[in-house]
C-alpha atoms as a PDB file:
ATOM      1  CA  UNK A   1      28.744 -15.161  45.022  1.00  0.00           C
ATOM      2  CA  UNK A   2      27.951 -14.578  48.648  1.00  0.00           C
ATOM      3  CA  UNK A   3      24.152 -13.904  49.686  1.00  0.00           C
ATOM      4  CA  UNK A   4      25.177 -11.806  52.425  1.00  0.00           C
ATOM      5  CA  UNK A   5      24.526  -8.290  52.232  1.00  0.00           C
ATOM      6  CA  UNK A   6      26.003  -5.344  53.856  1.00  0.00           C
ATOM      7  CA  UNK A   7      22.391  -3.700  55.001  1.00  0.00           C
ATOM      8  CA  UNK A   8      18.639  -4.039  54.290  1.00  0.00           C
ATOM      9  CA  UNK A   9      18.680  -1.350  51.694  1.00  0.00           C
ATOM     10  CA  UNK A  10      21.170  -2.943  49.721  1.00  0.00           C
ATOM     11  CA  UNK A  11      19.542  -6.800  50.004  1.00  0.00           C
ATOM     12  CA  UNK A  12      16.495  -5.193  48.704  1.00  0.00           C
ATOM     13  CA  UNK A  13      17.836  -3.639  45.498  1.00  0.00           C
ATOM     14  CA  UNK A  14      16.234  -4.651  42.255  1.00  0.00           C
ATOM     15  CA  UNK A  15      13.542  -6.952  43.741  1.00  0.00           C
ATOM     16  CA  UNK A  16      11.007  -4.302  44.843  1.00  0.00           C
ATOM     17  CA  UNK A  17       8.189  -2.882  42.469  1.00  0.00           C
ATOM     18  CA  UNK A  18       4.926  -1.090  42.651  1.00  0.00           C
ATOM     19  CA  UNK A  19       2.013  -3.700  42.957  1.00  0.00           C
ATOM     20  CA  UNK A  20       4.258  -6.620  44.071  1.00  0.00           C
ATOM     21  CA  UNK A  21       3.049  -9.068  46.615  1.00  0.00           C
ATOM     22  CA  UNK A  22       5.277  -8.944  49.761  1.00  0.00           C
ATOM     23  CA  UNK A  23       4.967 -11.662  52.513  1.00  0.00           C
ATOM     24  CA  UNK A  24       6.356 -10.936  55.906  1.00  0.00           C
ATOM     25  CA  UNK A  25       6.844 -13.183  58.917  1.00  0.00           C
ATOM     26  CA  UNK A  26       6.181 -12.415  62.479  1.00  0.00           C
ATOM     27  CA  UNK A  27       3.373 -12.634  64.795  1.00  0.00           C
ATOM     28  CA  UNK A  28       2.550  -8.954  66.615  1.00  0.00           C
ATOM     29  CA  UNK A  29       5.663  -7.901  67.143  1.00  0.00           C
ATOM     30  CA  UNK A  30       7.718 -11.013  67.520  1.00  0.00           C
ATOM     31  CA  UNK A  31       9.865 -12.135  64.922  1.00  0.00           C
ATOM     32  CA  UNK A  32       9.281  -9.087  62.529  1.00  0.00           C
ATOM     33  CA  UNK A  33      11.980  -8.340  60.122  1.00  0.00           C
ATOM     34  CA  UNK A  34      12.093  -4.700  61.259  1.00  0.00           C
ATOM     35  CA  UNK A  35      15.080  -3.510  59.301  1.00  0.00           C
ATOM     36  CA  UNK A  36      13.949  -5.072  56.031  1.00  0.00           C
ATOM     37  CA  UNK A  37      10.401  -3.390  56.712  1.00  0.00           C
ATOM     38  CA  UNK A  38      12.088  -0.087  57.418  1.00  0.00           C
ATOM     39  CA  UNK A  39      13.840  -0.410  54.072  1.00  0.00           C
ATOM     40  CA  UNK A  40      10.745  -1.172  52.390  1.00  0.00           C
ATOM     41  CA  UNK A  41       9.442   1.962  53.527  1.00  0.00           C
ATOM     42  CA  UNK A  42      12.484   4.224  52.510  1.00  0.00           C
ATOM     43  CA  UNK A  43      12.312   2.478  48.827  1.00  0.00           C
ATOM     44  CA  UNK A  44       9.051   4.370  48.431  1.00  0.00           C
ATOM     45  CA  UNK A  45       7.367   1.194  46.548  1.00  0.00           C
ATOM     46  CA  UNK A  46       3.588   1.621  46.251  1.00  0.00           C
ATOM     47  CA  UNK A  47       0.469  -0.449  45.790  1.00  0.00           C
ATOM     48  CA  UNK A  48       1.771  -3.366  47.831  1.00  0.00           C
ATOM     49  CA  UNK A  49      -0.229  -6.540  48.656  1.00  0.00           C
ATOM     50  CA  UNK A  50       0.992  -7.635  51.935  1.00  0.00           C
ATOM     51  CA  UNK A  51       0.619 -11.215  53.187  1.00  0.00           C
ATOM     52  CA  UNK A  52       1.075 -11.284  57.076  1.00  0.00           C
ATOM     53  CA  UNK A  53      -0.631 -12.661  59.970  1.00  0.00           C
ATOM     54  CA  UNK A  54      -1.250  -8.876  61.095  1.00  0.00           C
ATOM     55  CA  UNK A  55       0.102  -5.447  60.417  1.00  0.00           C
ATOM     56  CA  UNK A  56       2.003  -4.703  63.599  1.00  0.00           C
ATOM     57  CA  UNK A  57       0.825  -2.085  65.814  1.00  0.00           C
ATOM     58  CA  UNK A  58       0.560   1.758  65.082  1.00  0.00           C
ATOM     59  CA  UNK A  59       4.060   3.066  64.325  1.00  0.00           C
ATOM     60  CA  UNK A  60       5.808  -0.378  64.596  1.00  0.00           C
ATOM     61  CA  UNK A  61       6.317  -3.287  62.294  1.00  0.00           C
ATOM     62  CA  UNK A  62       4.374  -3.243  59.305  1.00  0.00           C
ATOM     63  CA  UNK A  63       2.400  -0.341  60.645  1.00  0.00           C
ATOM     64  CA  UNK A  64       4.869   2.024  59.188  1.00  0.00           C
ATOM     65  CA  UNK A  65       3.803   0.844  55.602  1.00  0.00           C
ATOM     66  CA  UNK A  66       0.192   1.664  56.453  1.00  0.00           C
ATOM     67  CA  UNK A  67       1.193   4.883  57.576  1.00  0.00           C
ATOM     68  CA  UNK A  68       3.137   5.833  54.360  1.00  0.00           C
ATOM     69  CA  UNK A  69      -0.164   4.860  52.234  1.00  0.00           C
ATOM     70  CA  UNK A  70       2.313   2.190  50.650  1.00  0.00           C
ATOM     71  CA  UNK A  71      -0.345  -0.595  51.173  1.00  0.00           C
ATOM     72  CA  UNK A  72      -3.264  -1.426  48.671  1.00  0.00           C
ATOM     73  CA  UNK A  73      -4.231  -5.009  49.960  1.00  0.00           C
ATOM     74  CA  UNK A  74      -3.578  -6.799  53.050  1.00  0.00           C
ATOM     75  CA  UNK A  75      -4.252 -10.769  53.394  1.00  0.00           C
ATOM     76  CA  UNK A  76      -3.967 -11.621  57.253  1.00  0.00           C
ATOM     77  CA  UNK A  77      -5.908 -13.189  59.811  1.00  0.00           C
ATOM     78  CA  UNK A  78      -5.984 -10.419  62.493  1.00  0.00           C
ATOM     79  CA  UNK A  79      -6.678  -6.544  62.685  1.00  0.00           C
ATOM     80  CA  UNK A  80      -7.243  -5.608  66.462  1.00  0.00           C
ATOM     81  CA  UNK A  81      -3.863  -4.197  67.833  1.00  0.00           C
ATOM     82  CA  UNK A  82      -3.251  -1.530  65.025  1.00  0.00           C
ATOM     83  CA  UNK A  83      -5.922   1.359  65.198  1.00  0.00           C
ATOM     84  CA  UNK A  84      -4.595   2.717  61.670  1.00  0.00           C
ATOM     85  CA  UNK A  85      -5.033  -1.007  59.875  1.00  0.00           C
ATOM     86  CA  UNK A  86      -8.864  -1.231  61.469  1.00  0.00           C
ATOM     87  CA  UNK A  87      -9.490   2.496  60.586  1.00  0.00           C
ATOM     88  CA  UNK A  88      -8.229   2.020  56.893  1.00  0.00           C
ATOM     89  CA  UNK A  89     -10.389  -1.158  56.777  1.00  0.00           C
ATOM     90  CA  UNK A  90     -13.389   0.497  57.981  1.00  0.00           C
ATOM     91  CA  UNK A  91     -13.282   3.635  55.649  1.00  0.00           C
ATOM     92  CA  UNK A  92     -12.600   1.292  52.643  1.00  0.00           C
ATOM     93  CA  UNK A  93      -9.150   2.648  51.986  1.00  0.00           C
ATOM     94  CA  UNK A  94      -7.606  -0.584  52.439  1.00  0.00           C
ATOM     95  CA  UNK A  95      -8.806  -3.955  50.809  1.00  0.00           C
ATOM     96  CA  UNK A  96      -8.449  -6.813  53.396  1.00  0.00           C
ATOM     97  CA  UNK A  97      -8.823 -10.478  52.456  1.00  0.00           C
ATOM     98  CA  UNK A  98      -9.387 -12.401  55.793  1.00  0.00           C
ATOM     99  CA  UNK A  99      -8.099 -15.757  56.597  1.00  0.00           C
ATOM    100  CA  UNK A 100      -8.552 -18.041  59.619  1.00  0.00           C
ATOM    101  CA  UNK A 101      -5.112 -18.399  61.172  1.00  0.00           C
ATOM    102  CA  UNK A 102      -4.409 -21.761  60.344  1.00  0.00           C
ATOM    103  CA  UNK A 103      -5.665 -21.623  56.871  1.00  0.00           C
ATOM    104  CA  UNK A 104      -3.506 -18.473  55.969  1.00  0.00           C
ATOM    105  CA  UNK A 105      -0.460 -20.656  57.525  1.00  0.00           C
ATOM    106  CA  UNK A 106      -1.401 -23.481  55.483  1.00  0.00           C
ATOM    107  CA  UNK A 107      -1.884 -21.384  52.155  1.00  0.00           C
ATOM    108  CA  UNK A 108       1.711 -19.871  52.418  1.00  0.00           C
ATOM    109  CA  UNK A 109       3.177 -23.604  53.205  1.00  0.00           C
ATOM    110  CA  UNK A 110       1.402 -24.767  50.197  1.00  0.00           C
ATOM    111  CA  UNK A 111       2.727 -22.132  47.942  1.00  0.00           C
ATOM    112  CA  UNK A 112       6.031 -22.905  49.056  1.00  0.00           C
ATOM    113  CA  UNK A 113       5.692 -26.732  48.708  1.00  0.00           C
ATOM    114  CA  UNK A 114       4.236 -25.798  44.904  1.00  0.00           C
ATOM    115  CA  UNK A 115       0.838 -26.817  45.814  1.00  0.00           C
ATOM    116  CA  UNK A 116      -1.555 -24.393  43.908  1.00  0.00           C
ATOM    117  CA  UNK A 117      -4.577 -25.020  46.006  1.00  0.00           C
ATOM    118  CA  UNK A 118      -5.989 -27.358  49.028  1.00  0.00           C
ATOM    119  CA  UNK A 119      -9.398 -28.109  50.469  1.00  0.00           C
ATOM    120  CA  UNK A 120     -10.086 -26.942  54.058  1.00  0.00           C
ATOM    121  CA  UNK A 121     -13.001 -27.645  56.292  1.00  0.00           C
ATOM    122  CA  UNK A 122     -12.346 -24.431  58.133  1.00  0.00           C
ATOM    123  CA  UNK A 123     -14.687 -21.205  57.209  1.00  0.00           C
ATOM    124  CA  UNK A 124     -17.262 -23.427  55.332  1.00  0.00           C
ATOM    125  CA  UNK A 125     -20.724 -21.785  55.994  1.00  0.00           C
ATOM    126  CA  UNK A 126     -19.078 -18.032  56.745  1.00  0.00           C
ATOM    127  CA  UNK A 127     -18.156 -15.031  54.701  1.00  0.00           C
ATOM    128  CA  UNK A 128     -14.825 -16.601  54.367  1.00  0.00           C
ATOM    129  CA  UNK A 129     -15.971 -19.233  51.715  1.00  0.00           C
ATOM    130  CA  UNK A 130     -18.165 -17.031  49.885  1.00  0.00           C
ATOM    131  CA  UNK A 131     -17.676 -17.166  46.143  1.00  0.00           C
ATOM    132  CA  UNK A 132     -15.134 -20.135  46.451  1.00  0.00           C
ATOM    133  CA  UNK A 133     -15.637 -23.639  45.019  1.00  0.00           C
ATOM    134  CA  UNK A 134     -16.839 -26.236  47.264  1.00  0.00           C
ATOM    135  CA  UNK A 135     -16.621 -30.070  47.383  1.00  0.00           C
ATOM    136  CA  UNK A 136     -17.680 -32.783  49.795  1.00  0.00           C
ATOM    137  CA  UNK A 137     -15.292 -35.518  51.001  1.00  0.00           C
ATOM    138  CA  UNK A 138     -16.502 -38.505  53.228  1.00  0.00           C
ATOM    139  CA  UNK A 139     -19.823 -36.847  53.783  1.00  0.00           C
ATOM    140  CA  UNK A 140     -18.300 -33.468  54.799  1.00  0.00           C
ATOM    141  CA  UNK A 141     -18.189 -29.933  53.035  1.00  0.00           C
ATOM    142  CA  UNK A 142     -14.967 -28.402  52.466  1.00  0.00           C
ATOM    143  CA  UNK A 143     -13.857 -25.182  50.563  1.00  0.00           C
ATOM    144  CA  UNK A 144     -10.941 -24.550  48.034  1.00  0.00           C
ATOM    145  CA  UNK A 145      -8.091 -22.299  49.356  1.00  0.00           C
ATOM    146  CA  UNK A 146      -5.203 -21.021  47.071  1.00  0.00           C
ATOM    147  CA  UNK A 147      -1.632 -21.407  47.934  1.00  0.00           C
ATOM    148  CA  UNK A 148       0.170 -18.247  48.257  1.00  0.00           C
ATOM    149  CA  UNK A 149       3.387 -17.569  46.445  1.00  0.00           C
ATOM    150  CA  UNK A 150       4.926 -13.793  47.282  1.00  0.00           C
ATOM    151  CA  UNK A 151       7.363 -12.119  44.989  1.00  0.00           C
ATOM    152  CA  UNK A 152       9.165 -11.202  47.865  1.00  0.00           C
ATOM    153  CA  UNK A 153       9.466 -12.968  51.486  1.00  0.00           C
ATOM    154  CA  UNK A 154      11.017 -11.101  54.202  1.00  0.00           C
ATOM    155  CA  UNK A 155      11.838 -13.086  57.582  1.00  0.00           C
ATOM    156  CA  UNK A 156      13.467 -12.361  60.965  1.00  0.00           C
ATOM    157  CA  UNK A 157      15.843 -15.593  61.954  1.00  0.00           C
ATOM    158  CA  UNK A 158      17.956 -15.842  65.225  1.00  0.00           C
ATOM    159  CA  UNK A 159      20.687 -17.327  63.464  1.00  0.00           C
ATOM    160  CA  UNK A 160      21.709 -17.609  59.653  1.00  0.00           C
ATOM    161  CA  UNK A 161      24.757 -19.286  58.324  1.00  0.00           C
ATOM    162  CA  UNK A 162      26.587 -17.719  54.756  1.00  0.00           C
ATOM    163  CA  UNK A 163      24.221 -20.263  52.753  1.00  0.00           C
ATOM    164  CA  UNK A 164      21.213 -19.174  54.234  1.00  0.00           C
ATOM    165  CA  UNK A 165      20.235 -21.894  56.508  1.00  0.00           C
ATOM    166  CA  UNK A 166      18.070 -20.346  59.031  1.00  0.00           C
ATOM    167  CA  UNK A 167      17.087 -21.178  62.556  1.00  0.00           C
ATOM    168  CA  UNK A 168      14.563 -19.246  64.925  1.00  0.00           C
ATOM    169  CA  UNK A 169      14.182 -18.518  68.785  1.00  0.00           C
ATOM    170  CA  UNK A 170      11.168 -19.718  70.690  1.00  0.00           C
ATOM    171  CA  UNK A 171       7.981 -17.864  69.444  1.00  0.00           C
ATOM    172  CA  UNK A 172       9.724 -15.612  67.091  1.00  0.00           C
ATOM    173  CA  UNK A 173       9.681 -18.899  64.926  1.00  0.00           C
ATOM    174  CA  UNK A 174       5.855 -18.279  64.327  1.00  0.00           C
ATOM    175  CA  UNK A 175       5.084 -17.460  60.478  1.00  0.00           C
ATOM    176  CA  UNK A 176       8.477 -16.994  59.456  1.00  0.00           C
ATOM    177  CA  UNK A 177       9.214 -20.878  58.250  1.00  0.00           C
ATOM    178  CA  UNK A 178       6.105 -20.706  56.024  1.00  0.00           C
ATOM    179  CA  UNK A 179       6.644 -17.050  54.643  1.00  0.00           C
ATOM    180  CA  UNK A 180      10.349 -17.863  53.827  1.00  0.00           C
ATOM    181  CA  UNK A 181       9.369 -21.044  51.631  1.00  0.00           C
ATOM    182  CA  UNK A 182       6.548 -19.031  49.707  1.00  0.00           C
ATOM    183  CA  UNK A 183       8.755 -16.420  48.271  1.00  0.00           C
ATOM    184  CA  UNK A 184      10.076 -16.285  44.809  1.00  0.00           C
ATOM    185  CA  UNK A 185      12.694 -14.325  46.525  1.00  0.00           C
ATOM    186  CA  UNK A 186      13.341 -14.771  50.138  1.00  0.00           C
ATOM    187  CA  UNK A 187      15.451 -12.249  52.140  1.00  0.00           C
ATOM    188  CA  UNK A 188      16.390 -12.870  55.697  1.00  0.00           C
ATOM    189  CA  UNK A 189      17.467 -10.465  58.551  1.00  0.00           C
ATOM    190  CA  UNK A 190      19.523 -12.677  61.237  1.00  0.00           C
ATOM    191  CA  UNK A 191      20.501 -11.578  64.659  1.00  0.00           C
ATOM    192  CA  UNK A 192      23.603 -13.822  64.055  1.00  0.00           C
ATOM    193  CA  UNK A 193      25.540 -14.851  60.898  1.00  0.00           C
ATOM    194  CA  UNK A 194      27.882 -17.592  61.128  1.00  0.00           C
ATOM    195  CA  UNK A 195      29.922 -19.757  58.996  1.00  0.00           C
ATOM    196  CA  UNK A 196      29.020 -22.806  56.838  1.00  0.00           C
ATOM    197  CA  UNK A 197      28.800 -25.751  59.378  1.00  0.00           C
ATOM    198  CA  UNK A 198      28.139 -23.947  62.614  1.00  0.00           C
ATOM    199  CA  UNK A 199      24.415 -24.643  62.499  1.00  0.00           C
ATOM    200  CA  UNK A 200      24.082 -28.523  63.126  1.00  0.00           C
ATOM    201  CA  UNK A 201      21.910 -29.995  60.347  1.00  0.00           C
ATOM    202  CA  UNK A 202      19.153 -30.970  62.509  1.00  0.00           C
ATOM    203  CA  UNK A 203      18.827 -27.443  63.998  1.00  0.00           C
ATOM    204  CA  UNK A 204      18.085 -25.624  60.707  1.00  0.00           C
ATOM    205  CA  UNK A 205      14.342 -24.936  60.515  1.00  0.00           C
ATOM    206  CA  UNK A 206      14.601 -23.286  57.113  1.00  0.00           C
ATOM    207  CA  UNK A 207      16.972 -24.714  54.638  1.00  0.00           C
ATOM    208  CA  UNK A 208      19.279 -22.347  52.556  1.00  0.00           C
ATOM    209  CA  UNK A 209      17.778 -23.668  49.338  1.00  0.00           C
ATOM    210  CA  UNK A 210      14.742 -21.209  49.959  1.00  0.00           C
ATOM    211  CA  UNK A 211      16.952 -18.212  50.937  1.00  0.00           C
ATOM    212  CA  UNK A 212      18.355 -15.971  48.430  1.00  0.00           C
ATOM    213  CA  UNK A 213      19.853 -12.756  50.274  1.00  0.00           C
ATOM    214  CA  UNK A 214      20.625 -12.566  54.066  1.00  0.00           C
ATOM    215  CA  UNK A 215      21.465  -9.450  55.900  1.00  0.00           C
ATOM    216  CA  UNK A 216      22.653  -9.016  59.549  1.00  0.00           C
ATOM    217  CA  UNK A 217      19.740  -7.065  61.757  1.00  0.00           C
ATOM    218  CA  UNK A 218      21.085  -4.066  63.601  1.00  0.00           C
ATOM    219  CA  UNK A 219      21.176  -4.367  67.239  1.00  0.00           C
ATOM    220  CA  UNK A 220      17.940  -2.503  68.739  1.00  0.00           C
ATOM    221  CA  UNK A 221      15.587  -3.043  71.895  1.00  0.00           C
ATOM    222  CA  UNK A 222      12.775  -5.418  70.981  1.00  0.00           C
ATOM    223  CA  UNK A 223       9.527  -3.976  71.455  1.00  0.00           C
ATOM    224  CA  UNK A 224       6.777  -5.926  73.304  1.00  0.00           C
ATOM    225  CA  UNK A 225       3.198  -5.466  71.889  1.00  0.00           C
ATOM    226  CA  UNK A 226       1.723  -6.086  75.472  1.00  0.00           C
ATOM    227  CA  UNK A 227       3.458  -6.007  78.718  1.00  0.00           C
ATOM    228  CA  UNK A 228       1.662  -7.633  81.519  1.00  0.00           C
ATOM    229  CA  UNK A 229       3.081  -7.678  85.043  1.00  0.00           C
ATOM    230  CA  UNK A 230       1.823  -8.451  88.368  1.00  0.00           C
ATOM    231  CA  UNK A 231       3.225  -7.833  91.965  1.00  0.00           C
ATOM    232  CA  UNK A 232       6.148 -10.102  92.965  1.00  0.00           C
ATOM    233  CA  UNK A 233       4.993 -12.257  95.870  1.00  0.00           C
ATOM    234  CA  UNK A 234       6.902 -11.759  99.417  1.00  0.00           C
ATOM    235  CA  UNK A 235       9.713 -14.006  99.702  1.00  0.00           C
ATOM    236  CA  UNK A 236       9.831 -14.743  95.969  1.00  0.00           C
ATOM    237  CA  UNK A 237      13.310 -15.115  94.413  1.00  0.00           C
ATOM    238  CA  UNK A 238      14.496 -12.268  92.227  1.00  0.00           C
END
């Protein structure tokens, strides 16, 4: 049976439910599965726990789920670029579990590898470690962190074959590989879908064994979170 679905909405059929944990790849607006996020919004699912490095920006990326009041809790490492995210957090309307960025990545990687918990030194002595078990190894104190397994993971790939083997492009790789591995069901939107054998085995970043559904990403202008430019020096090549 083909794992390639005709659109994002059909790819999400029968996997979304209220109160679920949803892990989403991307960093800012880079490598974000925009079509799938919009389909989650349109589904009307509520009370979500979202695991992601951040929540996009106002009106874009995961920010659209905040606007619809569909998110109850966020497990993330960064808030700063989304004013609504910060507002909901400061007002107490949104439960946020902050993680150091590397710890968040490792929690997702551990969940995908079947590792229920691990010890890390990062965060010891800070609010991040409050209420968590501690242990000492070789004279240094570590805090116990739980692996993350999501009910559904959403990722954005540059290329997928029809078996779900994925490659990513440049920095759009970011959190996508660990998010893909951490989902009980992983759905990928890909800019290109090719046949089996059209991706060299050593180019595969996420093996298809982690991916249950694939959808062709719709063509759209890629948003840039912050555009920084400077005057071109005189005589510089165009």
